[in-house]
Amino acid sequence: MIDTACSLLNTRGMTSRLLDVNEQLANYILDASVQESEVLQRLRAETAPMSGAGMQIGADQGQFMALLVELMSAKRAIEIGVFTGYSSICVACAMGPEGRLLACDVSEEYTSVARRYWQEAGVADRIELRLGPALATLDELIRDGRAGEFDFAFIDADKENYEGYYERCLKLLRVGGLMIFDNALWGGSVADPDDHRETTLAIRRVNQHAGHDEQVTASLVPIGDGLLLVRKR
């Protein structure tokens, strides 16, 4: 009976129950459930005029990730793609004083803002920033024998390397560890059969891979621009 029920979950005949989140409903979600600290509010305001402001995650997404980190009691985390530091503050705060976050980015300009706000948020001592290509950093961690050491990974960087980040973070996570990929729905482009841009193709590949990888349990969640949640079995 259980096997039959599980197999039914894999059918595609289910009616979609996704809501069309308009501006009114989005504002309700934020007003009703999001508790954004004063530091994060100021960081959001400073980031808003920047040319890459669209790379910053939403307050609802940051709170959702923090909840997952708390539920896991995570203490060791990786972040690939820091930008101005909003997500790293959410994760570092959720891990508590004993938590340690290894943050990877290539931009000195953006991460200089992040460093300042990490200090203001009181989490600077929990975060190690490594500037340089993240794939090289992950390979170094694996060579140093740190496979299976990490509880959580958040990936929000160059989409063309998502598959490479997937494979390396899977090695670095412990059993039961969780990695989250941002922009997994890419503004809906992943479902457009006429969109053959390399970025879209790369996101499709990692979504498809996670969905069929027997090493993990995966779920696509329509929060923000879409989150791919991948738990290591």
Protein backbone atom coordinates (compact mmCIF):
# COMPACT_ATOMS: atom_id res chain seq x y z
CA MET A 1 0.00 0.00 0.00
CA ILE A 2 2.80 2.43 0.89
CA ASP A 3 4.70 1.62 -2.31
CA THR A 4 1.55 2.22 -4.34
CA ALA A 5 0.94 5.55 -2.64
CA CYS A 6 4.53 6.62 -3.25
CA SER A 7 4.33 5.69 -6.90
CA LEU A 8 1.19 7.80 -7.27
CA LEU A 9 3.16 10.82 -6.13
CA ASN A 10 5.29 10.44 -9.24
CA THR A 11 2.39 10.71 -11.68
CA ARG A 12 1.82 13.91 -13.61
CA GLY A 13 -1.97 13.93 -13.62
CA MET A 14 -2.27 16.16 -10.58
CA THR A 15 -3.99 19.51 -10.90
CA SER A 16 -1.63 22.41 -10.24
CA ARG A 17 -2.39 24.32 -7.06
CA LEU A 18 0.21 27.06 -7.56
CA LEU A 19 -1.09 30.50 -6.71
CA ASP A 20 -0.58 33.51 -8.92
CA VAL A 21 1.27 35.66 -6.39
CA ASN A 22 0.32 39.20 -7.36
CA GLU A 23 1.65 42.32 -5.67
CA GLN A 24 -1.17 42.43 -3.14
CA LEU A 25 -0.62 38.83 -2.03
CA ALA A 26 3.17 39.26 -2.01
CA ASN A 27 2.85 42.25 0.30
CA TYR A 28 0.51 40.26 2.56
CA ILE A 29 3.08 37.45 2.83
CA LEU A 30 5.79 39.92 3.76
CA ASP A 31 3.64 41.83 6.25
CA ALA A 32 2.20 38.72 7.90
CA SER A 33 5.26 36.54 8.27
CA VAL A 34 8.62 38.21 7.58
CA GLN A 35 10.63 39.57 10.47
CA GLU A 36 13.49 41.47 8.85
CA SER A 37 16.12 42.94 11.16
CA GLU A 38 17.06 46.60 11.00
CA VAL A 39 20.51 45.66 9.67
CA LEU A 40 19.01 43.63 6.84
CA GLN A 41 16.59 46.43 6.02
CA ARG A 42 19.48 48.87 5.69
CA LEU A 43 21.47 46.40 3.60
CA ARG A 44 18.51 45.98 1.26
CA ALA A 45 18.15 49.76 0.94
CA GLU A 46 21.85 50.23 0.16
CA THR A 47 21.84 47.42 -2.38
CA ALA A 48 18.68 48.58 -4.20
CA PRO A 49 20.35 51.30 -6.34
CA MET A 50 23.24 49.04 -7.41
CA SER A 51 23.43 47.78 -10.98
CA GLY A 52 23.20 44.15 -9.83
CA ALA A 53 20.44 44.70 -7.27
CA GLY A 54 18.36 41.94 -8.84
CA MET A 55 20.87 39.40 -7.52
CA GLN A 56 19.77 40.01 -3.93
CA ILE A 57 17.38 37.43 -2.50
CA GLY A 58 14.00 38.46 -1.09
CA ALA A 59 13.33 38.84 2.61
CA ASP A 60 10.86 35.94 2.49
CA GLN A 61 13.47 33.69 0.91
CA GLY A 62 16.10 34.68 3.46
CA GLN A 63 13.73 33.86 6.31
CA PHE A 64 12.76 30.55 4.71
CA MET A 65 16.40 29.49 4.40
CA ALA A 66 17.08 30.55 7.98
CA LEU A 67 14.19 28.36 9.12
CA LEU A 68 15.65 25.36 7.29
CA VAL A 69 19.06 25.98 8.83
CA GLU A 70 17.50 26.16 12.29
CA LEU A 71 15.47 22.99 11.72
CA MET A 72 18.66 21.15 10.73
CA SER A 73 20.66 22.60 13.63
CA ALA A 74 23.29 23.30 10.96
CA LYS A 75 26.69 24.48 12.16
CA ARG A 76 28.85 24.23 9.02
CA ALA A 77 27.72 25.88 5.80
CA ILE A 78 28.96 26.89 2.36
CA GLU A 79 27.73 29.84 0.33
CA ILE A 80 28.57 30.23 -3.36
CA GLY A 81 27.71 33.74 -4.48
CA VAL A 82 27.80 36.30 -1.67
CA PHE A 83 26.87 39.55 -3.47
CA THR A 84 26.32 42.16 -0.71
CA GLY A 85 25.84 39.62 2.06
CA TYR A 86 22.10 39.36 2.71
CA SER A 87 21.85 35.57 2.47
CA SER A 88 25.06 35.01 4.42
CA ILE A 89 23.72 37.08 7.31
CA CYS A 90 20.50 35.05 7.31
CA VAL A 91 22.40 31.76 7.38
CA ALA A 92 25.06 32.84 9.88
CA CYS A 93 22.47 34.22 12.31
CA ALA A 94 20.41 31.04 12.05
CA MET A 95 23.42 28.84 12.85
CA GLY A 96 24.17 30.72 16.04
CA PRO A 97 27.53 31.62 17.63
CA GLU A 98 29.04 28.18 17.03
CA GLY A 99 28.21 28.20 13.32
CA ARG A 100 30.79 28.72 10.60
CA LEU A 101 30.06 29.79 7.04
CA LEU A 102 32.55 29.50 4.19
CA ALA A 103 31.52 32.20 1.70
CA CYS A 104 32.78 32.14 -1.90
CA ASP A 105 32.67 35.02 -4.37
CA VAL A 106 34.79 36.72 -7.03
CA SER A 107 33.84 40.37 -6.41
CA GLU A 108 35.88 42.50 -4.04
CA GLU A 109 33.49 45.41 -4.65
CA TYR A 110 30.28 43.65 -3.63
CA THR A 111 31.80 41.66 -0.78
CA SER A 112 33.28 44.82 0.73
CA VAL A 113 29.67 45.84 1.39
CA ALA A 114 28.97 42.37 2.77
CA ARG A 115 31.92 42.55 5.16
CA ARG A 116 30.65 45.83 6.58
CA TYR A 117 27.18 44.46 7.22
CA TRP A 118 28.51 41.17 8.62
CA GLN A 119 30.28 43.29 11.22
CA GLU A 120 27.14 45.28 11.99
CA ALA A 121 25.07 42.10 12.27
CA GLY A 122 27.59 40.60 14.70
CA VAL A 123 28.39 37.58 12.52
CA ALA A 124 31.76 38.57 11.00
CA ASP A 125 33.58 36.07 13.22
CA ARG A 126 31.40 33.25 11.86
CA ILE A 127 32.14 33.88 8.18
CA GLU A 128 35.28 33.08 6.20
CA LEU A 129 35.32 34.81 2.81
CA ARG A 130 37.32 33.27 -0.02
CA LEU A 131 37.68 35.42 -3.11
CA GLY A 132 38.27 33.45 -6.30
CA PRO A 133 36.57 30.88 -8.53
CA ALA A 134 34.30 28.79 -6.30
CA LEU A 135 34.96 25.53 -8.17
CA ALA A 136 38.64 25.82 -7.25
CA THR A 137 37.75 26.52 -3.61
CA LEU A 138 35.44 23.50 -3.46
CA ASP A 139 38.08 21.27 -5.06
CA GLU A 140 40.56 22.45 -2.45
CA LEU A 141 38.15 21.58 0.35
CA ILE A 142 37.72 18.08 -1.07
CA ARG A 143 41.49 17.62 -1.41
CA ASP A 144 41.88 18.73 2.21
CA GLY A 145 39.67 15.87 3.33
CA ARG A 146 36.61 17.92 4.24
CA ALA A 147 34.10 15.76 2.37
CA GLY A 148 31.04 15.04 4.50
CA GLU A 149 31.82 17.92 6.86
CA PHE A 150 29.14 20.45 5.91
CA ASP A 151 25.46 20.59 6.84
CA PHE A 152 24.18 23.18 4.38
CA ALA A 153 25.09 24.86 1.09
CA PHE A 154 23.46 27.77 -0.72
CA ILE A 155 24.36 28.24 -4.38
CA ASP A 156 23.50 31.52 -6.10
CA ALA A 157 26.28 32.21 -8.58
CA ASP A 158 27.07 31.65 -12.27
CA LYS A 159 24.40 29.27 -13.51
CA GLU A 160 26.64 27.69 -16.14
CA ASN A 161 28.59 26.06 -13.31
CA TYR A 162 25.58 24.82 -11.35
CA GLU A 163 26.26 21.19 -12.26
CA GLY A 164 29.85 21.50 -11.09
CA TYR A 165 28.72 23.08 -7.83
CA TYR A 166 26.15 20.31 -7.41
CA GLU A 167 28.65 17.48 -7.69
CA ARG A 168 31.23 19.08 -5.41
CA CYS A 169 28.79 20.24 -2.74
CA LEU A 170 27.21 16.78 -2.72
CA LYS A 171 30.61 15.38 -1.75
CA LEU A 172 31.14 18.04 0.91
CA LEU A 173 27.72 17.60 2.53
CA ARG A 174 27.10 15.06 5.27
CA VAL A 175 24.33 12.52 4.89
CA GLY A 176 21.15 14.46 5.62
CA GLY A 177 22.79 17.70 4.52
CA LEU A 178 20.92 20.17 2.33
CA MET A 179 21.93 22.29 -0.63
CA ILE A 180 19.74 24.99 -2.16
CA PHE A 181 20.09 26.41 -5.66
CA ASP A 182 18.62 29.85 -6.31
CA ASN A 183 16.97 30.94 -9.60
CA ALA A 184 15.88 27.38 -10.29
CA LEU A 185 12.84 28.56 -12.27
CA TRP A 186 14.68 31.43 -13.97
CA GLY A 187 11.67 33.68 -14.39
CA GLY A 188 9.71 30.79 -15.89
CA SER A 189 12.20 30.34 -18.75
CA VAL A 190 13.00 26.77 -17.74
CA ALA A 191 9.51 25.76 -18.89
CA ASP A 192 9.79 27.56 -22.25
CA PRO A 193 10.78 25.00 -24.93
CA ASP A 194 11.93 27.81 -27.21
CA ASP A 195 14.46 29.18 -24.72
CA HIS A 196 17.86 27.72 -25.60
CA ARG A 197 20.10 30.21 -23.83
CA GLU A 198 23.06 28.53 -22.16
CA THR A 199 22.06 29.82 -18.73
CA THR A 200 18.55 28.40 -19.10
CA LEU A 201 19.92 25.09 -20.37
CA ALA A 202 22.33 24.88 -17.42
CA ILE A 203 19.53 25.41 -14.90
CA ARG A 204 17.36 22.84 -16.66
CA ARG A 205 20.21 20.33 -16.52
CA VAL A 206 20.74 20.66 -12.78
CA ASN A 207 16.99 20.52 -12.08
CA GLN A 208 16.70 17.38 -14.21
CA HIS A 209 19.78 15.80 -12.67
CA ALA A 210 18.60 16.39 -9.11
CA GLY A 211 15.17 15.02 -9.92
CA HIS A 212 16.64 11.72 -11.10
CA ASP A 213 19.64 11.40 -8.79
CA GLU A 214 19.16 8.43 -6.45
CA GLN A 215 21.72 9.91 -4.06
CA VAL A 216 19.34 12.70 -3.08
CA THR A 217 15.78 13.75 -2.40
CA ALA A 218 14.94 16.90 -4.37
CA SER A 219 12.12 19.41 -4.57
CA LEU A 220 11.51 22.53 -6.67
CA VAL A 221 9.87 25.27 -4.62
CA PRO A 222 8.34 28.43 -6.18
CA ILE A 223 9.76 30.93 -3.71
CA GLY A 224 11.38 34.00 -5.22
CA ASP A 225 12.80 32.98 -8.60
CA GLY A 226 12.50 29.32 -7.63
CA LEU A 227 14.54 27.22 -5.22
CA LEU A 228 15.88 23.73 -5.88
CA LEU A 229 16.18 21.91 -2.56
CA VAL A 230 18.46 18.85 -2.56
CA ARG A 231 18.90 16.64 0.53
CA LYS A 232 21.73 14.11 0.52
CA ARG A 233 20.55 10.59 1.35
